[in-house]
Amino acid sequence: MKLLSALLLLTAISAGTRSSAQPPSFLNLRLSSKVSLQTALIKINNKPATYTDLLKIADTGILKVEVYSKKAALEFVDKNEAKNGLVLVTLHKKHFPVYAQKKDGAAFVTNEKGDTMFCKNLVPPAINGDTSSAEWNRFLMQKLNPQAPADNSSPAGIYYVDIMFTVNTDGSIANLTVLEDPGYGTAAEVRKLMSQSPAWKTGLCDEMPVKFYQRQRITFVVTER
């Protein structure tokens, strides 16, 4: 039986990212009681790989991780290869542009005309002005269906939906873009979610409202036992 939980994570484009030297966070999750990531056959982008190779992947580069038990793995590989299960890792082929970044304590924001604005004090947009992400997570818990991948027959695994959208100066959102679709109904669920988004408090550059390109990551986790 598949039991599903959702990790509700906020990633703003202006925020710091995990170091590529750190192992991906999904390695801390037990996705299947039937498959050990350390002994299973691993393929990254359909090429044979090792557990050591997994340790070198940055979280931000992963689109999805699918975990198949011995029986299910026979659909993809032969009996000998499937004996310890199969882990298929798919990496992102695309990357979002960087519209805001911090350097030496200052921030630089790219506006809709492509001009770079220097901000001594940058306040990113947030639901109800809550930059701690608590309001964002509350919105996800109320509106997101975490069962989406399981409802669409996904295997155990982790599915990342990275999105970018514009927060206008009136707090409305527009131009929603899904970087890549990990499948199993996840991208469609996120689009549905964002259509119900409340108004945001606009981002500020030195106390001046600015149109802001916001990046978020929503993580669906399917566990099997």
C-alpha atoms as a PDB file:
ATOM      1  CA  MET A   1       0.000   0.000   0.000  1.00  0.00           C
ATOM      2  CA  LYS A   2       1.267   3.474  -0.829  1.00  0.00           C
ATOM      3  CA  LEU A   3       1.185   6.093   1.902  1.00  0.00           C
ATOM      4  CA  LEU A   4       1.665   9.661   0.779  1.00  0.00           C
ATOM      5  CA  SER A   5       2.934  12.686   2.607  1.00  0.00           C
ATOM      6  CA  ALA A   6       3.796  16.104   1.240  1.00  0.00           C
ATOM      7  CA  LEU A   7       6.836  18.193   2.052  1.00  0.00           C
ATOM      8  CA  LEU A   8       5.868  21.831   1.720  1.00  0.00           C
ATOM      9  CA  LEU A   9       9.006  23.739   0.850  1.00  0.00           C
ATOM     10  CA  LEU A  10       9.510  27.369  -0.078  1.00  0.00           C
ATOM     11  CA  THR A  11      12.382  28.383  -2.336  1.00  0.00           C
ATOM     12  CA  ALA A  12      12.575  32.062  -3.207  1.00  0.00           C
ATOM     13  CA  ILE A  13      14.866  32.922  -6.081  1.00  0.00           C
ATOM     14  CA  SER A  14      16.649  35.494  -3.925  1.00  0.00           C
ATOM     15  CA  ALA A  15      17.314  33.003  -1.135  1.00  0.00           C
ATOM     16  CA  GLY A  16      20.482  31.004  -0.719  1.00  0.00           C
ATOM     17  CA  THR A  17      20.566  27.480  -2.137  1.00  0.00           C
ATOM     18  CA  ARG A  18      22.000  24.281  -0.757  1.00  0.00           C
ATOM     19  CA  SER A  19      25.638  23.687  -1.469  1.00  0.00           C
ATOM     20  CA  SER A  20      26.241  21.146  -4.226  1.00  0.00           C
ATOM     21  CA  ALA A  21      28.667  19.489  -1.786  1.00  0.00           C
ATOM     22  CA  GLN A  22      25.730  18.448   0.383  1.00  0.00           C
ATOM     23  CA  PRO A  23      23.979  15.154  -0.453  1.00  0.00           C
ATOM     24  CA  PRO A  24      20.390  15.510  -1.704  1.00  0.00           C
ATOM     25  CA  SER A  25      17.830  15.728   1.085  1.00  0.00           C
ATOM     26  CA  PHE A  26      15.688  12.854  -0.227  1.00  0.00           C
ATOM     27  CA  LEU A  27      18.389  10.434   0.944  1.00  0.00           C
ATOM     28  CA  ASN A  28      17.138  11.128   4.484  1.00  0.00           C
ATOM     29  CA  LEU A  29      13.696   9.765   3.573  1.00  0.00           C
ATOM     30  CA  ARG A  30      12.695   6.112   3.563  1.00  0.00           C
ATOM     31  CA  LEU A  31      10.719   6.041   0.334  1.00  0.00           C
ATOM     32  CA  SER A  32      10.164   2.277   0.323  1.00  0.00           C
ATOM     33  CA  SER A  33      10.471  -0.430   2.954  1.00  0.00           C
ATOM     34  CA  LYS A  34      11.194  -2.883   0.128  1.00  0.00           C
ATOM     35  CA  VAL A  35      14.096  -1.073  -1.513  1.00  0.00           C
ATOM     36  CA  SER A  36      17.381   0.220  -0.099  1.00  0.00           C
ATOM     37  CA  LEU A  37      18.918   3.074  -2.076  1.00  0.00           C
ATOM     38  CA  GLN A  38      22.356   1.760  -1.159  1.00  0.00           C
ATOM     39  CA  THR A  39      21.847  -1.685  -2.739  1.00  0.00           C
ATOM     40  CA  ALA A  40      19.289  -1.061  -5.494  1.00  0.00           C
ATOM     41  CA  LEU A  41      20.173  -0.707  -9.157  1.00  0.00           C
ATOM     42  CA  ILE A  42      20.439   3.042  -9.794  1.00  0.00           C
ATOM     43  CA  LYS A  43      20.059   4.879 -13.060  1.00  0.00           C
ATOM     44  CA  ILE A  44      20.475   8.613 -13.484  1.00  0.00           C
ATOM     45  CA  ASN A  45      18.890   9.861 -16.698  1.00  0.00           C
ATOM     46  CA  ASN A  46      18.684   6.192 -17.743  1.00  0.00           C
ATOM     47  CA  LYS A  47      22.446   5.683 -17.359  1.00  0.00           C
ATOM     48  CA  PRO A  48      23.880   3.215 -14.805  1.00  0.00           C
ATOM     49  CA  ALA A  49      25.058   4.954 -11.636  1.00  0.00           C
ATOM     50  CA  THR A  50      26.111   4.226  -8.069  1.00  0.00           C
ATOM     51  CA  TYR A  51      24.989   5.378  -4.650  1.00  0.00           C
ATOM     52  CA  THR A  52      28.136   7.522  -4.543  1.00  0.00           C
ATOM     53  CA  ASP A  53      26.927   9.257  -7.698  1.00  0.00           C
ATOM     54  CA  LEU A  54      23.663  10.087  -5.901  1.00  0.00           C
ATOM     55  CA  LEU A  55      25.590  11.833  -3.143  1.00  0.00           C
ATOM     56  CA  LYS A  56      27.013  14.277  -5.685  1.00  0.00           C
ATOM     57  CA  ILE A  57      23.660  15.528  -7.010  1.00  0.00           C
ATOM     58  CA  ALA A  58      22.355  18.892  -5.816  1.00  0.00           C
ATOM     59  CA  ASP A  59      18.702  18.994  -4.729  1.00  0.00           C
ATOM     60  CA  THR A  60      17.962  21.779  -7.182  1.00  0.00           C
ATOM     61  CA  GLY A  61      19.056  19.614 -10.114  1.00  0.00           C
ATOM     62  CA  ILE A  62      16.568  16.811  -9.443  1.00  0.00           C
ATOM     63  CA  LEU A  63      13.208  16.570 -11.208  1.00  0.00           C
ATOM     64  CA  LYS A  64      12.074  13.257  -9.737  1.00  0.00           C
ATOM     65  CA  VAL A  65      13.202  10.025  -8.097  1.00  0.00           C
ATOM     66  CA  GLU A  66      11.157   6.882  -8.786  1.00  0.00           C
ATOM     67  CA  VAL A  67      11.635   3.788  -6.634  1.00  0.00           C
ATOM     68  CA  TYR A  68      10.519   0.369  -7.887  1.00  0.00           C
ATOM     69  CA  SER A  69      10.413  -2.843  -5.863  1.00  0.00           C
ATOM     70  CA  LYS A  70      11.872  -6.053  -7.289  1.00  0.00           C
ATOM     71  CA  LYS A  71       8.605  -7.104  -8.935  1.00  0.00           C
ATOM     72  CA  ALA A  72       7.834  -3.692 -10.427  1.00  0.00           C
ATOM     73  CA  ALA A  73      11.432  -3.260 -11.621  1.00  0.00           C
ATOM     74  CA  LEU A  74      11.027  -6.233 -13.980  1.00  0.00           C
ATOM     75  CA  GLU A  75       9.105  -3.920 -16.293  1.00  0.00           C
ATOM     76  CA  PHE A  76      12.358  -2.037 -16.946  1.00  0.00           C
ATOM     77  CA  VAL A  77      15.272  -4.432 -16.356  1.00  0.00           C
ATOM     78  CA  ASP A  78      15.958  -8.157 -16.293  1.00  0.00           C
ATOM     79  CA  LYS A  79      15.512 -10.428 -13.302  1.00  0.00           C
ATOM     80  CA  ASN A  80      19.122 -10.277 -12.158  1.00  0.00           C
ATOM     81  CA  GLU A  81      19.254  -6.478 -12.289  1.00  0.00           C
ATOM     82  CA  ALA A  82      15.903  -6.165 -10.526  1.00  0.00           C
ATOM     83  CA  LYS A  83      16.829  -8.351  -7.547  1.00  0.00           C
ATOM     84  CA  ASN A  84      17.418  -5.396  -5.196  1.00  0.00           C
ATOM     85  CA  GLY A  85      14.912  -3.022  -6.745  1.00  0.00           C
ATOM     86  CA  LEU A  86      15.397  -0.088  -9.096  1.00  0.00           C
ATOM     87  CA  VAL A  87      15.850   3.646  -8.531  1.00  0.00           C
ATOM     88  CA  LEU A  88      15.367   5.963 -11.508  1.00  0.00           C
ATOM     89  CA  VAL A  89      16.621   9.528 -11.048  1.00  0.00           C
ATOM     90  CA  THR A  90      15.666  12.165 -13.600  1.00  0.00           C
ATOM     91  CA  LEU A  91      17.551  15.456 -13.596  1.00  0.00           C
ATOM     92  CA  HIS A  92      16.305  18.828 -14.791  1.00  0.00           C
ATOM     93  CA  LYS A  93      17.080  19.634 -18.411  1.00  0.00           C
ATOM     94  CA  LYS A  94      16.194  23.299 -17.950  1.00  0.00           C
ATOM     95  CA  HIS A  95      17.097  26.057 -15.519  1.00  0.00           C
ATOM     96  CA  PHE A  96      15.185  29.138 -14.451  1.00  0.00           C
ATOM     97  CA  PRO A  97      16.842  32.513 -15.114  1.00  0.00           C
ATOM     98  CA  VAL A  98      18.062  34.388 -12.047  1.00  0.00           C
ATOM     99  CA  TYR A  99      16.138  37.645 -11.600  1.00  0.00           C
ATOM    100  CA  ALA A 100      17.266  38.481  -8.079  1.00  0.00           C
ATOM    101  CA  GLN A 101      20.478  37.736  -6.279  1.00  0.00           C
ATOM    102  CA  LYS A 102      22.462  38.887  -3.273  1.00  0.00           C
ATOM    103  CA  LYS A 103      26.104  39.837  -3.310  1.00  0.00           C
ATOM    104  CA  ASP A 104      28.226  41.431  -0.594  1.00  0.00           C
ATOM    105  CA  GLY A 105      25.157  42.255   1.503  1.00  0.00           C
ATOM    106  CA  ALA A 106      23.340  44.049  -1.338  1.00  0.00           C
ATOM    107  CA  ALA A 107      20.673  42.806  -3.717  1.00  0.00           C
ATOM    108  CA  PHE A 108      20.224  43.166  -7.444  1.00  0.00           C
ATOM    109  CA  VAL A 109      16.820  42.768  -9.094  1.00  0.00           C
ATOM    110  CA  THR A 110      16.023  42.534 -12.806  1.00  0.00           C
ATOM    111  CA  ASN A 111      12.832  44.394 -13.698  1.00  0.00           C
ATOM    112  CA  GLU A 112      10.362  43.657 -16.496  1.00  0.00           C
ATOM    113  CA  LYS A 113      12.394  45.805 -18.922  1.00  0.00           C
ATOM    114  CA  GLY A 114      15.510  43.749 -18.313  1.00  0.00           C
ATOM    115  CA  ASP A 115      17.220  46.521 -16.343  1.00  0.00           C
ATOM    116  CA  THR A 116      19.177  45.661 -13.204  1.00  0.00           C
ATOM    117  CA  MET A 117      18.159  47.571 -10.087  1.00  0.00           C
ATOM    118  CA  PHE A 118      20.424  47.888  -7.054  1.00  0.00           C
ATOM    119  CA  CYS A 119      18.596  47.420  -3.746  1.00  0.00           C
ATOM    120  CA  LYS A 120      20.280  48.239  -0.472  1.00  0.00           C
ATOM    121  CA  ASN A 121      17.262  46.745   1.282  1.00  0.00           C
ATOM    122  CA  LEU A 122      15.260  44.088  -0.567  1.00  0.00           C
ATOM    123  CA  VAL A 123      12.058  42.655   0.886  1.00  0.00           C
ATOM    124  CA  PRO A 124      10.722  39.725  -1.178  1.00  0.00           C
ATOM    125  CA  PRO A 125       6.989  39.337  -1.751  1.00  0.00           C
ATOM    126  CA  ALA A 126       5.040  37.068   0.573  1.00  0.00           C
ATOM    127  CA  ILE A 127       1.499  36.027   1.408  1.00  0.00           C
ATOM    128  CA  ASN A 128       0.250  38.434   4.089  1.00  0.00           C
ATOM    129  CA  GLY A 129       3.788  39.793   4.266  1.00  0.00           C
ATOM    130  CA  ASP A 130       5.029  36.643   6.027  1.00  0.00           C
ATOM    131  CA  THR A 131       8.594  36.089   4.815  1.00  0.00           C
ATOM    132  CA  SER A 132       9.033  33.098   7.150  1.00  0.00           C
ATOM    133  CA  SER A 133       6.988  30.945   4.667  1.00  0.00           C
ATOM    134  CA  ALA A 134       4.467  29.924   7.357  1.00  0.00           C
ATOM    135  CA  GLU A 135       1.596  31.496   5.387  1.00  0.00           C
ATOM    136  CA  TRP A 136       2.770  29.819   2.190  1.00  0.00           C
ATOM    137  CA  ASN A 137       2.867  26.431   3.885  1.00  0.00           C
ATOM    138  CA  ARG A 138      -0.567  27.051   5.405  1.00  0.00           C
ATOM    139  CA  PHE A 139      -1.894  27.817   1.920  1.00  0.00           C
ATOM    140  CA  LEU A 140      -0.432  24.548   0.614  1.00  0.00           C
ATOM    141  CA  MET A 141      -1.873  22.521   3.476  1.00  0.00           C
ATOM    142  CA  GLN A 142      -5.323  23.978   2.860  1.00  0.00           C
ATOM    143  CA  LYS A 143      -5.411  23.830  -0.936  1.00  0.00           C
ATOM    144  CA  LEU A 144      -2.887  21.286  -2.232  1.00  0.00           C
ATOM    145  CA  ASN A 145      -3.875  17.670  -2.848  1.00  0.00           C
ATOM    146  CA  PRO A 146      -0.733  15.760  -1.797  1.00  0.00           C
ATOM    147  CA  GLN A 147      -2.309  12.538  -3.087  1.00  0.00           C
ATOM    148  CA  ALA A 148      -1.988  13.718  -6.711  1.00  0.00           C
ATOM    149  CA  PRO A 149       0.915  11.439  -7.764  1.00  0.00           C
ATOM    150  CA  ALA A 150      -0.474   8.376  -5.949  1.00  0.00           C
ATOM    151  CA  ASP A 151      -3.898   9.054  -7.466  1.00  0.00           C
ATOM    152  CA  ASN A 152      -2.179   8.880 -10.859  1.00  0.00           C
ATOM    153  CA  SER A 153      -0.417   5.542 -10.204  1.00  0.00           C
ATOM    154  CA  SER A 154       3.043   6.841  -9.404  1.00  0.00           C
ATOM    155  CA  PRO A 155       5.651   4.545  -7.886  1.00  0.00           C
ATOM    156  CA  ALA A 156       7.178   5.389  -4.528  1.00  0.00           C
ATOM    157  CA  GLY A 157       9.444   8.374  -4.911  1.00  0.00           C
ATOM    158  CA  ILE A 158       9.854  12.109  -4.719  1.00  0.00           C
ATOM    159  CA  TYR A 159       8.527  14.562  -7.298  1.00  0.00           C
ATOM    160  CA  TYR A 160       9.655  18.192  -7.478  1.00  0.00           C
ATOM    161  CA  VAL A 161       7.539  20.862  -9.143  1.00  0.00           C
ATOM    162  CA  ASP A 162       9.570  24.053  -9.548  1.00  0.00           C
ATOM    163  CA  ILE A 163       7.534  27.083 -10.537  1.00  0.00           C
ATOM    164  CA  MET A 164       8.134  30.735 -11.261  1.00  0.00           C
ATOM    165  CA  PHE A 165       5.573  33.509 -11.371  1.00  0.00           C
ATOM    166  CA  THR A 166       5.365  37.272 -11.273  1.00  0.00           C
ATOM    167  CA  VAL A 167       4.115  39.070  -8.178  1.00  0.00           C
ATOM    168  CA  ASN A 168       2.768  42.371  -9.468  1.00  0.00           C
ATOM    169  CA  THR A 169       2.921  45.612  -7.522  1.00  0.00           C
ATOM    170  CA  ASP A 170      -0.779  45.222  -6.647  1.00  0.00           C
ATOM    171  CA  GLY A 171      -0.096  41.812  -5.036  1.00  0.00           C
ATOM    172  CA  SER A 172      -1.678  39.755  -7.838  1.00  0.00           C
ATOM    173  CA  ILE A 173       0.261  36.934  -9.496  1.00  0.00           C
ATOM    174  CA  ALA A 174       0.699  36.251 -13.203  1.00  0.00           C
ATOM    175  CA  ASN A 175       2.844  34.423 -15.761  1.00  0.00           C
ATOM    176  CA  LEU A 176       2.984  31.085 -13.926  1.00  0.00           C
ATOM    177  CA  THR A 177       5.634  28.812 -15.425  1.00  0.00           C
ATOM    178  CA  VAL A 178       6.394  25.205 -14.516  1.00  0.00           C
ATOM    179  CA  LEU A 179      10.079  24.532 -15.167  1.00  0.00           C
ATOM    180  CA  GLU A 180       9.482  20.854 -16.030  1.00  0.00           C
ATOM    181  CA  ASP A 181       6.663  18.428 -15.330  1.00  0.00           C
ATOM    182  CA  PRO A 182       7.681  15.378 -13.258  1.00  0.00           C
ATOM    183  CA  GLY A 183       4.422  13.724 -14.295  1.00  0.00           C
ATOM    184  CA  TYR A 184       1.710  11.802 -12.427  1.00  0.00           C
ATOM    185  CA  GLY A 185      -0.585  14.818 -12.285  1.00  0.00           C
ATOM    186  CA  THR A 186       1.762  16.876 -10.115  1.00  0.00           C
ATOM    187  CA  ALA A 187       2.180  19.897 -12.410  1.00  0.00           C
ATOM    188  CA  ALA A 188      -1.566  20.045 -13.073  1.00  0.00           C
ATOM    189  CA  GLU A 189      -2.203  19.974  -9.315  1.00  0.00           C
ATOM    190  CA  VAL A 190       0.227  22.850  -8.772  1.00  0.00           C
ATOM    191  CA  ARG A 191      -1.378  24.918 -11.547  1.00  0.00           C
ATOM    192  CA  LYS A 192      -4.749  24.322  -9.911  1.00  0.00           C
ATOM    193  CA  LEU A 193      -3.276  25.318  -6.557  1.00  0.00           C
ATOM    194  CA  MET A 194      -1.840  28.588  -7.850  1.00  0.00           C
ATOM    195  CA  SER A 195      -5.138  29.545  -9.474  1.00  0.00           C
ATOM    196  CA  GLN A 196      -6.447  29.770  -5.896  1.00  0.00           C
ATOM    197  CA  SER A 197      -3.559  31.819  -4.556  1.00  0.00           C
ATOM    198  CA  PRO A 198      -4.443  34.699  -2.243  1.00  0.00           C
ATOM    199  CA  ALA A 199      -3.014  38.142  -2.901  1.00  0.00           C
ATOM    200  CA  TRP A 200       0.616  38.647  -1.964  1.00  0.00           C
ATOM    201  CA  LYS A 201       2.253  41.610  -0.298  1.00  0.00           C
ATOM    202  CA  THR A 202       4.408  43.044  -3.045  1.00  0.00           C
ATOM    203  CA  GLY A 203       8.198  42.994  -2.956  1.00  0.00           C
ATOM    204  CA  LEU A 204      10.052  46.170  -2.014  1.00  0.00           C
ATOM    205  CA  CYS A 205      13.311  47.578  -3.302  1.00  0.00           C
ATOM    206  CA  ASP A 206      14.422  50.268  -0.850  1.00  0.00           C
ATOM    207  CA  GLU A 207      10.767  50.638   0.221  1.00  0.00           C
ATOM    208  CA  MET A 208       9.591  51.046  -3.388  1.00  0.00           C
ATOM    209  CA  PRO A 209       7.103  48.408  -4.669  1.00  0.00           C
ATOM    210  CA  VAL A 210       8.592  46.380  -7.534  1.00  0.00           C
ATOM    211  CA  LYS A 211       7.353  43.626  -9.793  1.00  0.00           C
ATOM    212  CA  PHE A 212       9.097  40.498  -8.524  1.00  0.00           C
ATOM    213  CA  TYR A 213       9.819  37.141 -10.128  1.00  0.00           C
ATOM    214  CA  GLN A 214       9.189  34.549  -7.456  1.00  0.00           C
ATOM    215  CA  ARG A 215      10.466  30.972  -7.541  1.00  0.00           C
ATOM    216  CA  GLN A 216       8.915  28.235  -5.406  1.00  0.00           C
ATOM    217  CA  ARG A 217       9.413  24.483  -5.112  1.00  0.00           C
ATOM    218  CA  ILE A 218       6.628  22.076  -4.156  1.00  0.00           C
ATOM    219  CA  THR A 219       7.624  18.542  -3.228  1.00  0.00           C
ATOM    220  CA  PHE A 220       5.403  15.491  -3.401  1.00  0.00           C
ATOM    221  CA  VAL A 221       6.611  12.404  -1.552  1.00  0.00           C
ATOM    222  CA  VAL A 222       5.158   8.935  -2.117  1.00  0.00           C
ATOM    223  CA  THR A 223       6.194   6.257   0.364  1.00  0.00           C
ATOM    224  CA  GLU A 224       5.472   2.547   0.067  1.00  0.00           C
ATOM    225  CA  ARG A 225       5.465  -0.227   2.595  1.00  0.00           C
END
